[in-house]
Each structure stands twice: as C-alpha cells, then as structure tokens.
Amino acid sequence: MSAGRFFVSPDMIHSDHVSLDADIVRQLRSVLRMQVGDTCTLLDGSGWEYTVKLTELSKTSGTGTIVDRAENPNEPALHLTLLQGVLKKDKFEWILQKGTELGVSAFTPVIMERSIRTEVKPKLMQRWQKIVREAAEQCRRGKLPIIHTPIDFETALETLTDFDTTLLPWVQENSKTIGDLQHLGTSAAILIGPEGGFALHEVQAAIDKGAQPITLGKRILRAETASIATCTLALAKGGDLG
C-alpha cells in the first residue's frame, strides 16, 4: 500500500532512513490505517520527495527506510509572492489555502490603512502554517510556501525591489490588463488591498515604487476574489496554468 504525503523537517531525513514524529505517526496509524511495510511520501520542503517504507510504528514515533528519491515536478517556474492586505480570519485563511493550491510561493500579510485586523498573534501564525502545509500536501507541491511575519505598508513597499514585476489590481485602472505586459520575469509580487481597498495615497506610493496597476475587468471584486484571480492570471502568464 502507498499513500500519504507529509512535509517534514530536513533533520528528520538521514542518509537512507527517516524518523517520524508523533503527529505524522498519528495520521499514518489512525487516519490512513497504515502499517509496517507500507510506503508513504515525505517532502523536505526544498523540492525533493522521498518514498519511504515504514519499518517501525509505535504510538508516538516511527522510522522508515528511503527506497526512492526524486525531484518534485509540480513547482511553478514563476516565484510568486502575495502581499495581501490583512483580512478577516476566514477570508485570509481561504486565500492561504487556495493560493497554495495554485502555486503561490510566499505570502506576506500587510497591515494597511483600511485593514480591519491590525494584530496577528503567534497562535494565528501557527494555524496559518498548518493550513498551508495541509494544502501543499494535498495538491502535491514540492515546496512549502513561506508565510512571512506581518509587516506595515511602508515596509512592504521597500520589498518591491526584490521582484522583477509587481502587479497592483486597482478599481480605477480601466484599460491595462496583465495581458498587456510582455513578461513577469522569474519573480513577481501581487499587492492586494484589505476589505476596504487601498487608500489613494497607498496606490500612488506603490506606483512610485514601480508597481504596475492593472484592471481585473468591469466588475468590482471582493479582496479575496481579486487575490485568487490575480494569482491565477499571473501563474498562467508565467506558463504554469492552462
């Protein structure tokens, strides 16, 4: 039997064997009903995946032997970072899950002028990490997307020089689409506002830093819809979707 995909810390993977922590063992035993002799897939987060034959399963730990090692083929060529204005909890978590499935490489929560939530506690960051990890395992990603610590808008603007292209979906941009851009390069950022949208001075400041305003069409989209729509368009333009 072969089933189950789990991201693990690289220090759990040794030359020809692996050690399994209590959480993975619980899933193998209680959820997947796996036994010694079955195989699962472990991922170290760097793009490599390992086929592992289980050799020991106790209630709280386990071991396995590596029987195959291969580079995961499912990561997009475009390294895409979503600079997302912090939203209400359920909306932001939905973006994390769906963005991971699409192929977003990193998420950066940004505190903006119209953000309703202005504080992100460590426990919430842990929950976000769990959502991203489970989504990456489910959709067969080879790398675990990064969730950066929340930053303010001014700090976010300073990071824009790290990207080849920054896309700024904006309701007042009426003509320029992502299709009008020649290429996005190898790394791109998407800057999305919170529920109330950008303040006008934020848009101007982002444009001054090189962000390219684009339209997503005639209809007004909610922040979470705009995020996923733009991620989809960017990854499609980068050759990963469609």
C-alpha atoms as a PDB file:
ATOM      1  CA  MET A   1       0.000   0.000   0.000  1.00  0.00           C
ATOM      2  CA  SER A   2       1.282   3.501  -0.854  1.00  0.00           C
ATOM      3  CA  ALA A   3      -0.472   6.627   0.419  1.00  0.00           C
ATOM      4  CA  GLY A   4       0.094   9.812   2.349  1.00  0.00           C
ATOM      5  CA  ARG A   5       2.281  12.844   1.698  1.00  0.00           C
ATOM      6  CA  PHE A   6       3.876  14.786   4.535  1.00  0.00           C
ATOM      7  CA  PHE A   7       6.243  17.720   4.811  1.00  0.00           C
ATOM      8  CA  VAL A   8       8.889  17.078   7.435  1.00  0.00           C
ATOM      9  CA  SER A   9      11.854  18.926   8.868  1.00  0.00           C
ATOM     10  CA  PRO A  10      15.026  18.167   6.857  1.00  0.00           C
ATOM     11  CA  ASP A  11      16.758  16.941  10.014  1.00  0.00           C
ATOM     12  CA  MET A  12      14.315  14.020  10.113  1.00  0.00           C
ATOM     13  CA  ILE A  13      15.745  12.722   6.844  1.00  0.00           C
ATOM     14  CA  HIS A  14      19.073  10.902   7.127  1.00  0.00           C
ATOM     15  CA  SER A  15      21.218   9.141   4.528  1.00  0.00           C
ATOM     16  CA  ASP A  16      18.948   6.148   3.976  1.00  0.00           C
ATOM     17  CA  HIS A  17      16.341   6.333   6.704  1.00  0.00           C
ATOM     18  CA  VAL A  18      13.931   8.758   8.354  1.00  0.00           C
ATOM     19  CA  SER A  19      12.482   9.370  11.791  1.00  0.00           C
ATOM     20  CA  LEU A  20       8.799  10.202  12.191  1.00  0.00           C
ATOM     21  CA  ASP A  21       7.284  12.456  14.841  1.00  0.00           C
ATOM     22  CA  ALA A  22       4.121  11.841  16.829  1.00  0.00           C
ATOM     23  CA  ASP A  23       1.855  13.927  14.592  1.00  0.00           C
ATOM     24  CA  ILE A  24       2.790  12.072  11.403  1.00  0.00           C
ATOM     25  CA  VAL A  25       2.614   8.712  13.171  1.00  0.00           C
ATOM     26  CA  ARG A  26      -0.895   9.555  14.383  1.00  0.00           C
ATOM     27  CA  GLN A  27      -2.002  10.319  10.824  1.00  0.00           C
ATOM     28  CA  LEU A  28      -0.360   7.179   9.443  1.00  0.00           C
ATOM     29  CA  ARG A  29      -1.861   4.920  12.084  1.00  0.00           C
ATOM     30  CA  SER A  30      -5.225   6.451  12.903  1.00  0.00           C
ATOM     31  CA  VAL A  31      -6.232   8.250   9.707  1.00  0.00           C
ATOM     32  CA  LEU A  32      -4.615   6.247   6.905  1.00  0.00           C
ATOM     33  CA  ARG A  33      -4.543   2.935   8.813  1.00  0.00           C
ATOM     34  CA  MET A  34      -1.028   2.231   7.598  1.00  0.00           C
ATOM     35  CA  GLN A  35       1.220  -0.480   8.965  1.00  0.00           C
ATOM     36  CA  VAL A  36       4.869  -1.502   8.925  1.00  0.00           C
ATOM     37  CA  GLY A  37       5.764  -2.420   5.346  1.00  0.00           C
ATOM     38  CA  ASP A  38       3.527   0.224   3.761  1.00  0.00           C
ATOM     39  CA  THR A  39       5.049   3.219   1.977  1.00  0.00           C
ATOM     40  CA  CYS A  40       4.429   6.958   2.208  1.00  0.00           C
ATOM     41  CA  THR A  41       5.981  10.071   0.664  1.00  0.00           C
ATOM     42  CA  LEU A  42       7.952  12.585   2.696  1.00  0.00           C
ATOM     43  CA  LEU A  43       8.980  16.029   1.471  1.00  0.00           C
ATOM     44  CA  ASP A  44      11.803  18.118   2.919  1.00  0.00           C
ATOM     45  CA  GLY A  45      10.476  21.457   1.623  1.00  0.00           C
ATOM     46  CA  SER A  46      13.380  22.014  -0.780  1.00  0.00           C
ATOM     47  CA  GLY A  47      11.739  20.321  -3.759  1.00  0.00           C
ATOM     48  CA  TRP A  48      12.849  16.749  -3.099  1.00  0.00           C
ATOM     49  CA  GLU A  49      10.465  13.975  -2.193  1.00  0.00           C
ATOM     50  CA  TYR A  50      11.250  10.584  -0.715  1.00  0.00           C
ATOM     51  CA  THR A  51       9.402   7.292  -0.986  1.00  0.00           C
ATOM     52  CA  VAL A  52       9.685   5.713   2.447  1.00  0.00           C
ATOM     53  CA  LYS A  53       8.941   2.164   3.539  1.00  0.00           C
ATOM     54  CA  LEU A  54       7.738   2.106   7.137  1.00  0.00           C
ATOM     55  CA  THR A  55       9.893  -0.051   9.401  1.00  0.00           C
ATOM     56  CA  GLU A  56       8.545   0.847  12.847  1.00  0.00           C
ATOM     57  CA  LEU A  57       5.360   2.473  14.136  1.00  0.00           C
ATOM     58  CA  SER A  58       4.760   2.970  17.836  1.00  0.00           C
ATOM     59  CA  LYS A  59       2.091   5.213  19.340  1.00  0.00           C
ATOM     60  CA  THR A  60       4.333   8.273  19.402  1.00  0.00           C
ATOM     61  CA  SER A  61       7.208   7.675  16.969  1.00  0.00           C
ATOM     62  CA  GLY A  62       8.265   5.750  13.922  1.00  0.00           C
ATOM     63  CA  THR A  63      11.026   5.059  11.429  1.00  0.00           C
ATOM     64  CA  GLY A  64      11.287   4.269   7.761  1.00  0.00           C
ATOM     65  CA  THR A  65      13.764   3.344   5.048  1.00  0.00           C
ATOM     66  CA  ILE A  66      14.181   5.525   1.956  1.00  0.00           C
ATOM     67  CA  VAL A  67      13.548   3.413  -1.143  1.00  0.00           C
ATOM     68  CA  ASP A  68      13.450   6.203  -3.736  1.00  0.00           C
ATOM     69  CA  ARG A  69      14.302   9.901  -4.066  1.00  0.00           C
ATOM     70  CA  ALA A  70      13.140  12.248  -6.816  1.00  0.00           C
ATOM     71  CA  GLU A  71      12.758  15.941  -7.542  1.00  0.00           C
ATOM     72  CA  ASN A  72       9.162  17.102  -7.347  1.00  0.00           C
ATOM     73  CA  PRO A  73       7.962  18.329 -10.790  1.00  0.00           C
ATOM     74  CA  ASN A  74       4.994  20.382  -9.599  1.00  0.00           C
ATOM     75  CA  GLU A  75       6.521  23.728  -8.602  1.00  0.00           C
ATOM     76  CA  PRO A  76       5.842  26.698 -10.940  1.00  0.00           C
ATOM     77  CA  ALA A  77       8.719  28.418 -12.728  1.00  0.00           C
ATOM     78  CA  LEU A  78       7.414  31.804 -11.549  1.00  0.00           C
ATOM     79  CA  HIS A  79       8.202  32.591  -7.926  1.00  0.00           C
ATOM     80  CA  LEU A  80       5.056  34.431  -6.883  1.00  0.00           C
ATOM     81  CA  THR A  81       4.661  36.383  -3.636  1.00  0.00           C
ATOM     82  CA  LEU A  82       1.254  37.621  -2.497  1.00  0.00           C
ATOM     83  CA  LEU A  83       1.453  40.849  -0.497  1.00  0.00           C
ATOM     84  CA  GLN A  84      -2.020  40.665   0.968  1.00  0.00           C
ATOM     85  CA  GLY A  85      -3.721  43.373   2.965  1.00  0.00           C
ATOM     86  CA  VAL A  86      -4.755  41.578   6.149  1.00  0.00           C
ATOM     87  CA  LEU A  87      -8.377  40.428   6.016  1.00  0.00           C
ATOM     88  CA  LYS A  88     -10.823  38.885   8.441  1.00  0.00           C
ATOM     89  CA  LYS A  89      -9.683  35.466   9.645  1.00  0.00           C
ATOM     90  CA  ASP A  90     -11.803  33.195   7.436  1.00  0.00           C
ATOM     91  CA  LYS A  91     -11.117  35.161   4.255  1.00  0.00           C
ATOM     92  CA  PHE A  92      -7.379  35.241   4.766  1.00  0.00           C
ATOM     93  CA  GLU A  93      -7.267  31.522   5.543  1.00  0.00           C
ATOM     94  CA  TRP A  94      -9.195  30.785   2.355  1.00  0.00           C
ATOM     95  CA  ILE A  95      -6.602  32.771   0.386  1.00  0.00           C
ATOM     96  CA  LEU A  96      -3.773  30.826   2.021  1.00  0.00           C
ATOM     97  CA  GLN A  97      -5.348  27.507   1.095  1.00  0.00           C
ATOM     98  CA  LYS A  98      -6.313  28.347  -2.482  1.00  0.00           C
ATOM     99  CA  GLY A  99      -3.150  30.342  -3.165  1.00  0.00           C
ATOM    100  CA  THR A 100      -1.072  27.358  -2.076  1.00  0.00           C
ATOM    101  CA  GLU A 101      -3.030  25.066  -4.384  1.00  0.00           C
ATOM    102  CA  LEU A 102      -2.455  27.412  -7.320  1.00  0.00           C
ATOM    103  CA  GLY A 103       1.293  27.680  -6.746  1.00  0.00           C
ATOM    104  CA  VAL A 104       1.974  30.834  -4.714  1.00  0.00           C
ATOM    105  CA  SER A 105       5.497  30.648  -3.275  1.00  0.00           C
ATOM    106  CA  ALA A 106       5.156  33.122  -0.393  1.00  0.00           C
ATOM    107  CA  PHE A 107       2.500  35.058   1.493  1.00  0.00           C
ATOM    108  CA  THR A 108       3.168  38.359   3.247  1.00  0.00           C
ATOM    109  CA  PRO A 109       0.340  39.809   5.365  1.00  0.00           C
ATOM    110  CA  VAL A 110       0.407  43.606   5.109  1.00  0.00           C
ATOM    111  CA  ILE A 111      -1.194  45.998   7.591  1.00  0.00           C
ATOM    112  CA  MET A 112      -2.737  48.807   5.530  1.00  0.00           C
ATOM    113  CA  GLU A 113      -4.678  51.968   6.383  1.00  0.00           C
ATOM    114  CA  ARG A 114      -8.062  50.290   5.900  1.00  0.00           C
ATOM    115  CA  SER A 115      -7.179  46.929   7.445  1.00  0.00           C
ATOM    116  CA  ILE A 116      -9.784  45.797   9.963  1.00  0.00           C
ATOM    117  CA  ARG A 117      -7.333  43.456  11.702  1.00  0.00           C
ATOM    118  CA  THR A 118      -4.125  45.142  12.844  1.00  0.00           C
ATOM    119  CA  GLU A 119      -2.648  42.437  15.098  1.00  0.00           C
ATOM    120  CA  VAL A 120      -1.656  38.874  14.296  1.00  0.00           C
ATOM    121  CA  LYS A 121      -0.868  36.732  17.333  1.00  0.00           C
ATOM    122  CA  PRO A 122       1.676  33.858  17.258  1.00  0.00           C
ATOM    123  CA  LYS A 123      -1.088  31.255  17.652  1.00  0.00           C
ATOM    124  CA  LEU A 124      -2.729  32.522  14.488  1.00  0.00           C
ATOM    125  CA  MET A 125       0.553  32.297  12.591  1.00  0.00           C
ATOM    126  CA  GLN A 126       0.810  28.657  13.689  1.00  0.00           C
ATOM    127  CA  ARG A 127      -2.692  27.991  12.391  1.00  0.00           C
ATOM    128  CA  TRP A 128      -1.793  29.627   9.067  1.00  0.00           C
ATOM    129  CA  GLN A 129       1.296  27.417   8.776  1.00  0.00           C
ATOM    130  CA  LYS A 130      -0.864  24.330   9.313  1.00  0.00           C
ATOM    131  CA  ILE A 131      -3.351  25.414   6.633  1.00  0.00           C
ATOM    132  CA  VAL A 132      -0.575  25.983   4.100  1.00  0.00           C
ATOM    133  CA  ARG A 133       1.171  22.706   4.927  1.00  0.00           C
ATOM    134  CA  GLU A 134      -2.000  20.643   4.560  1.00  0.00           C
ATOM    135  CA  ALA A 135      -2.909  22.375   1.293  1.00  0.00           C
ATOM    136  CA  ALA A 136       0.611  21.806  -0.094  1.00  0.00           C
ATOM    137  CA  GLU A 137       0.455  18.111   0.821  1.00  0.00           C
ATOM    138  CA  GLN A 138      -2.984  17.705  -0.734  1.00  0.00           C
ATOM    139  CA  CYS A 139      -2.121  19.363  -4.065  1.00  0.00           C
ATOM    140  CA  ARG A 140       1.259  17.584  -4.380  1.00  0.00           C
ATOM    141  CA  ARG A 141       3.504  20.620  -4.027  1.00  0.00           C
ATOM    142  CA  GLY A 142       7.226  20.009  -3.671  1.00  0.00           C
ATOM    143  CA  LYS A 143       7.999  23.125  -1.646  1.00  0.00           C
ATOM    144  CA  LEU A 144       6.217  24.551   1.333  1.00  0.00           C
ATOM    145  CA  PRO A 145       5.093  28.158   0.728  1.00  0.00           C
ATOM    146  CA  ILE A 146       6.536  30.682   3.152  1.00  0.00           C
ATOM    147  CA  ILE A 147       4.302  32.785   5.386  1.00  0.00           C
ATOM    148  CA  HIS A 148       6.189  35.920   6.364  1.00  0.00           C
ATOM    149  CA  THR A 149       5.605  37.828   9.558  1.00  0.00           C
ATOM    150  CA  PRO A 150       3.050  40.644   9.039  1.00  0.00           C
ATOM    151  CA  ILE A 151       4.566  43.983   8.021  1.00  0.00           C
ATOM    152  CA  ASP A 152       3.244  47.509   7.607  1.00  0.00           C
ATOM    153  CA  PHE A 153       2.568  49.047   4.209  1.00  0.00           C
ATOM    154  CA  GLU A 154       5.703  51.196   4.151  1.00  0.00           C
ATOM    155  CA  THR A 155       7.868  48.154   4.803  1.00  0.00           C
ATOM    156  CA  ALA A 156       6.037  46.227   2.084  1.00  0.00           C
ATOM    157  CA  LEU A 157       6.880  48.962  -0.426  1.00  0.00           C
ATOM    158  CA  GLU A 158      10.574  48.601   0.386  1.00  0.00           C
ATOM    159  CA  THR A 159      10.435  44.916  -0.634  1.00  0.00           C
ATOM    160  CA  LEU A 160       9.161  45.656  -4.144  1.00  0.00           C
ATOM    161  CA  THR A 161      12.714  45.998  -5.466  1.00  0.00           C
ATOM    162  CA  ASP A 162      13.158  42.270  -4.744  1.00  0.00           C
ATOM    163  CA  PHE A 163      10.796  41.363  -7.601  1.00  0.00           C
ATOM    164  CA  ASP A 164      11.006  41.604 -11.379  1.00  0.00           C
ATOM    165  CA  THR A 165       7.373  42.736 -11.521  1.00  0.00           C
ATOM    166  CA  THR A 166       4.769  43.935  -9.019  1.00  0.00           C
ATOM    167  CA  LEU A 167       1.114  43.773 -10.037  1.00  0.00           C
ATOM    168  CA  LEU A 168      -1.364  46.171  -8.460  1.00  0.00           C
ATOM    169  CA  PRO A 169      -5.011  45.338  -9.241  1.00  0.00           C
ATOM    170  CA  TRP A 170      -6.900  48.608  -8.819  1.00  0.00           C
ATOM    171  CA  VAL A 171     -10.530  49.507  -9.458  1.00  0.00           C
ATOM    172  CA  GLN A 172      -9.608  52.861 -11.011  1.00  0.00           C
ATOM    173  CA  GLU A 173      -7.379  51.306 -13.661  1.00  0.00           C
ATOM    174  CA  ASN A 174      -9.686  50.892 -16.656  1.00  0.00           C
ATOM    175  CA  SER A 175      -7.578  49.605 -19.542  1.00  0.00           C
ATOM    176  CA  LYS A 176      -4.246  47.970 -18.742  1.00  0.00           C
ATOM    177  CA  THR A 177      -4.506  44.220 -18.149  1.00  0.00           C
ATOM    178  CA  ILE A 178      -1.933  41.607 -17.236  1.00  0.00           C
ATOM    179  CA  GLY A 179      -2.036  40.546 -20.873  1.00  0.00           C
ATOM    180  CA  ASP A 180      -0.575  43.908 -21.868  1.00  0.00           C
ATOM    181  CA  LEU A 181       2.648  43.134 -20.005  1.00  0.00           C
ATOM    182  CA  GLN A 182       5.381  41.497 -22.061  1.00  0.00           C
ATOM    183  CA  HIS A 183       6.588  39.232 -19.280  1.00  0.00           C
ATOM    184  CA  LEU A 184       6.711  39.000 -15.499  1.00  0.00           C
ATOM    185  CA  GLY A 185      10.274  37.752 -15.125  1.00  0.00           C
ATOM    186  CA  THR A 186      11.143  34.909 -12.771  1.00  0.00           C
ATOM    187  CA  SER A 187       9.819  36.542  -9.597  1.00  0.00           C
ATOM    188  CA  ALA A 188       6.695  38.620  -9.208  1.00  0.00           C
ATOM    189  CA  ALA A 189       4.640  40.154  -6.432  1.00  0.00           C
ATOM    190  CA  ILE A 190       0.936  40.882  -6.244  1.00  0.00           C
ATOM    191  CA  LEU A 191      -0.185  43.730  -3.981  1.00  0.00           C
ATOM    192  CA  ILE A 192      -3.806  43.427  -2.844  1.00  0.00           C
ATOM    193  CA  GLY A 193      -5.724  45.730  -0.504  1.00  0.00           C
ATOM    194  CA  PRO A 194      -7.885  44.779   2.504  1.00  0.00           C
ATOM    195  CA  GLU A 195     -11.702  44.661   2.588  1.00  0.00           C
ATOM    196  CA  GLY A 196     -11.982  48.437   2.239  1.00  0.00           C
ATOM    197  CA  GLY A 197      -9.490  48.625  -0.600  1.00  0.00           C
ATOM    198  CA  PHE A 198      -6.399  50.787  -0.898  1.00  0.00           C
ATOM    199  CA  ALA A 199      -6.251  54.354   0.288  1.00  0.00           C
ATOM    200  CA  LEU A 200      -5.431  56.594  -2.684  1.00  0.00           C
ATOM    201  CA  HIS A 201      -2.072  57.623  -1.250  1.00  0.00           C
ATOM    202  CA  GLU A 202      -1.130  53.934  -0.889  1.00  0.00           C
ATOM    203  CA  VAL A 203      -1.778  53.335  -4.576  1.00  0.00           C
ATOM    204  CA  GLN A 204       0.323  56.330  -5.575  1.00  0.00           C
ATOM    205  CA  ALA A 205       3.136  55.289  -3.250  1.00  0.00           C
ATOM    206  CA  ALA A 206       3.144  51.780  -4.731  1.00  0.00           C
ATOM    207  CA  ILE A 207       3.202  53.124  -8.294  1.00  0.00           C
ATOM    208  CA  ASP A 208       6.103  55.396  -7.350  1.00  0.00           C
ATOM    209  CA  LYS A 209       7.954  52.265  -6.219  1.00  0.00           C
ATOM    210  CA  GLY A 210       7.364  50.560  -9.562  1.00  0.00           C
ATOM    211  CA  ALA A 211       4.101  48.666  -9.058  1.00  0.00           C
ATOM    212  CA  GLN A 212       2.076  48.300 -12.256  1.00  0.00           C
ATOM    213  CA  PRO A 213      -1.660  48.953 -11.876  1.00  0.00           C
ATOM    214  CA  ILE A 214      -3.896  46.552 -13.804  1.00  0.00           C
ATOM    215  CA  THR A 215      -7.610  46.002 -14.196  1.00  0.00           C
ATOM    216  CA  LEU A 216      -9.404  42.750 -13.434  1.00  0.00           C
ATOM    217  CA  GLY A 217     -12.428  43.706 -15.512  1.00  0.00           C
ATOM    218  CA  LYS A 218     -15.535  45.813 -15.180  1.00  0.00           C
ATOM    219  CA  ARG A 219     -16.938  44.150 -12.081  1.00  0.00           C
ATOM    220  CA  ILE A 220     -15.853  45.051  -8.552  1.00  0.00           C
ATOM    221  CA  LEU A 221     -14.307  42.005  -6.877  1.00  0.00           C
ATOM    222  CA  ARG A 222     -14.004  41.308  -3.188  1.00  0.00           C
ATOM    223  CA  ALA A 223     -10.450  41.386  -1.856  1.00  0.00           C
ATOM    224  CA  GLU A 224     -10.177  37.598  -1.576  1.00  0.00           C
ATOM    225  CA  THR A 225     -11.581  37.104  -5.082  1.00  0.00           C
ATOM    226  CA  ALA A 226      -9.172  39.664  -6.525  1.00  0.00           C
ATOM    227  CA  SER A 227      -6.256  37.875  -4.845  1.00  0.00           C
ATOM    228  CA  ILE A 228      -7.029  34.461  -6.289  1.00  0.00           C
ATOM    229  CA  ALA A 229      -7.965  35.871  -9.699  1.00  0.00           C
ATOM    230  CA  THR A 230      -4.680  37.762  -9.974  1.00  0.00           C
ATOM    231  CA  CYS A 231      -2.628  34.791  -8.781  1.00  0.00           C
ATOM    232  CA  THR A 232      -4.303  32.647 -11.419  1.00  0.00           C
ATOM    233  CA  LEU A 233      -3.632  35.177 -14.180  1.00  0.00           C
ATOM    234  CA  ALA A 234      -0.005  35.662 -13.122  1.00  0.00           C
ATOM    235  CA  LEU A 235       0.769  31.938 -12.966  1.00  0.00           C
ATOM    236  CA  ALA A 236      -0.982  31.385 -16.298  1.00  0.00           C
ATOM    237  CA  LYS A 237       1.113  34.121 -17.875  1.00  0.00           C
ATOM    238  CA  GLY A 238       4.193  32.526 -16.365  1.00  0.00           C
ATOM    239  CA  GLY A 239       3.307  29.313 -18.212  1.00  0.00           C
ATOM    240  CA  ASP A 240       2.206  27.223 -15.244  1.00  0.00           C
ATOM    241  CA  LEU A 241      -1.584  27.087 -15.743  1.00  0.00           C
ATOM    242  CA  GLY A 242      -3.573  26.378 -18.863  1.00  0.00           C
END
